[in-house]
Amino acid sequence: MNKTTMDKLRAIRLFVRVVDAGSFTAVADELNVTTSMVSKEVRRFEKGLVADIGLFLITLACYKFVS
């Protein structure tokens, strides 16, 4: 696999962890990174999806996940 594919897979895994945990902070704590890093990675992943298919997966409202 090339680097781009690996980056996308990493982003998907991170996204799934955030959805499962229901919190950027919980995932950041698990990975021992900042909440900002997790949030930025998920946003970057979403921006790629928006560019590709026009879809946002997570919508934030007052730091809570909404479907």
Protein backbone atom coordinates (compact mmCIF):
# COMPACT_ATOMS: atom_id res chain seq x y z
CA MET A 1 0.00 0.00 0.00
CA ASN A 2 1.16 3.51 -0.71
CA LYS A 3 1.39 6.34 1.83
CA THR A 4 -1.86 7.98 0.72
CA THR A 5 -3.78 4.75 1.21
CA MET A 6 -2.22 4.24 4.63
CA ASP A 7 -3.10 7.81 5.62
CA LYS A 8 -6.71 7.25 4.57
CA LEU A 9 -6.90 3.98 6.49
CA ARG A 10 -5.46 5.67 9.57
CA ALA A 11 -8.02 8.47 9.25
CA ILE A 12 -10.88 5.97 8.90
CA ARG A 13 -9.72 4.07 11.98
CA LEU A 14 -9.48 7.30 13.95
CA PHE A 15 -12.92 8.38 12.78
CA VAL A 16 -14.42 5.04 13.84
CA ARG A 17 -12.79 5.33 17.27
CA VAL A 18 -14.28 8.80 17.73
CA VAL A 19 -17.73 7.58 16.74
CA ASP A 20 -17.48 4.53 19.02
CA ALA A 21 -16.21 6.60 21.96
CA GLY A 22 -18.60 9.48 21.26
CA SER A 23 -15.85 11.91 22.13
CA PHE A 24 -12.72 13.41 20.64
CA THR A 25 -11.31 13.77 24.17
CA ALA A 26 -11.76 10.10 25.03
CA VAL A 27 -9.88 9.05 21.89
CA ALA A 28 -7.16 11.62 22.50
CA ASP A 29 -6.70 10.29 26.03
CA GLU A 30 -6.51 6.69 24.74
CA LEU A 31 -3.89 7.65 22.15
CA ASN A 32 -2.02 10.05 24.45
CA VAL A 33 -2.38 12.93 22.00
CA THR A 34 -4.22 16.25 22.16
CA THR A 35 -7.93 16.56 21.53
CA SER A 36 -7.06 19.17 18.93
CA MET A 37 -4.97 16.64 16.98
CA VAL A 38 -7.82 14.12 16.91
CA SER A 39 -10.34 16.78 15.92
CA LYS A 40 -8.12 18.12 13.15
CA GLU A 41 -7.50 14.64 11.74
CA VAL A 42 -11.23 13.87 11.67
CA ARG A 43 -11.97 17.23 10.04
CA ARG A 44 -9.26 16.62 7.42
CA PHE A 45 -10.81 13.20 6.71
CA GLU A 46 -14.27 14.77 6.40
CA LYS A 47 -13.00 17.51 4.11
CA GLY A 48 -11.67 14.82 1.81
CA LEU A 49 -15.09 13.17 1.78
CA VAL A 50 -16.82 16.48 1.11
CA ALA A 51 -14.49 17.06 -1.81
CA ASP A 52 -15.08 13.52 -3.09
CA ILE A 53 -18.80 13.00 -2.46
CA GLY A 54 -20.19 16.04 -0.66
CA LEU A 55 -20.74 14.37 2.72
CA PHE A 56 -20.08 15.42 6.32
CA LEU A 57 -20.11 12.51 8.75
CA ILE A 58 -19.98 14.25 12.11
CA THR A 59 -21.79 17.44 12.97
CA LEU A 60 -20.81 19.15 16.20
CA ALA A 61 -23.29 21.12 18.24
CA CYS A 62 -22.08 22.33 21.61
CA TYR A 63 -19.38 19.60 21.65
CA LYS A 64 -21.95 16.80 21.33
CA PHE A 65 -22.41 14.41 18.45
CA VAL A 66 -25.65 14.69 16.54
CA SER A 67 -26.90 12.37 13.87
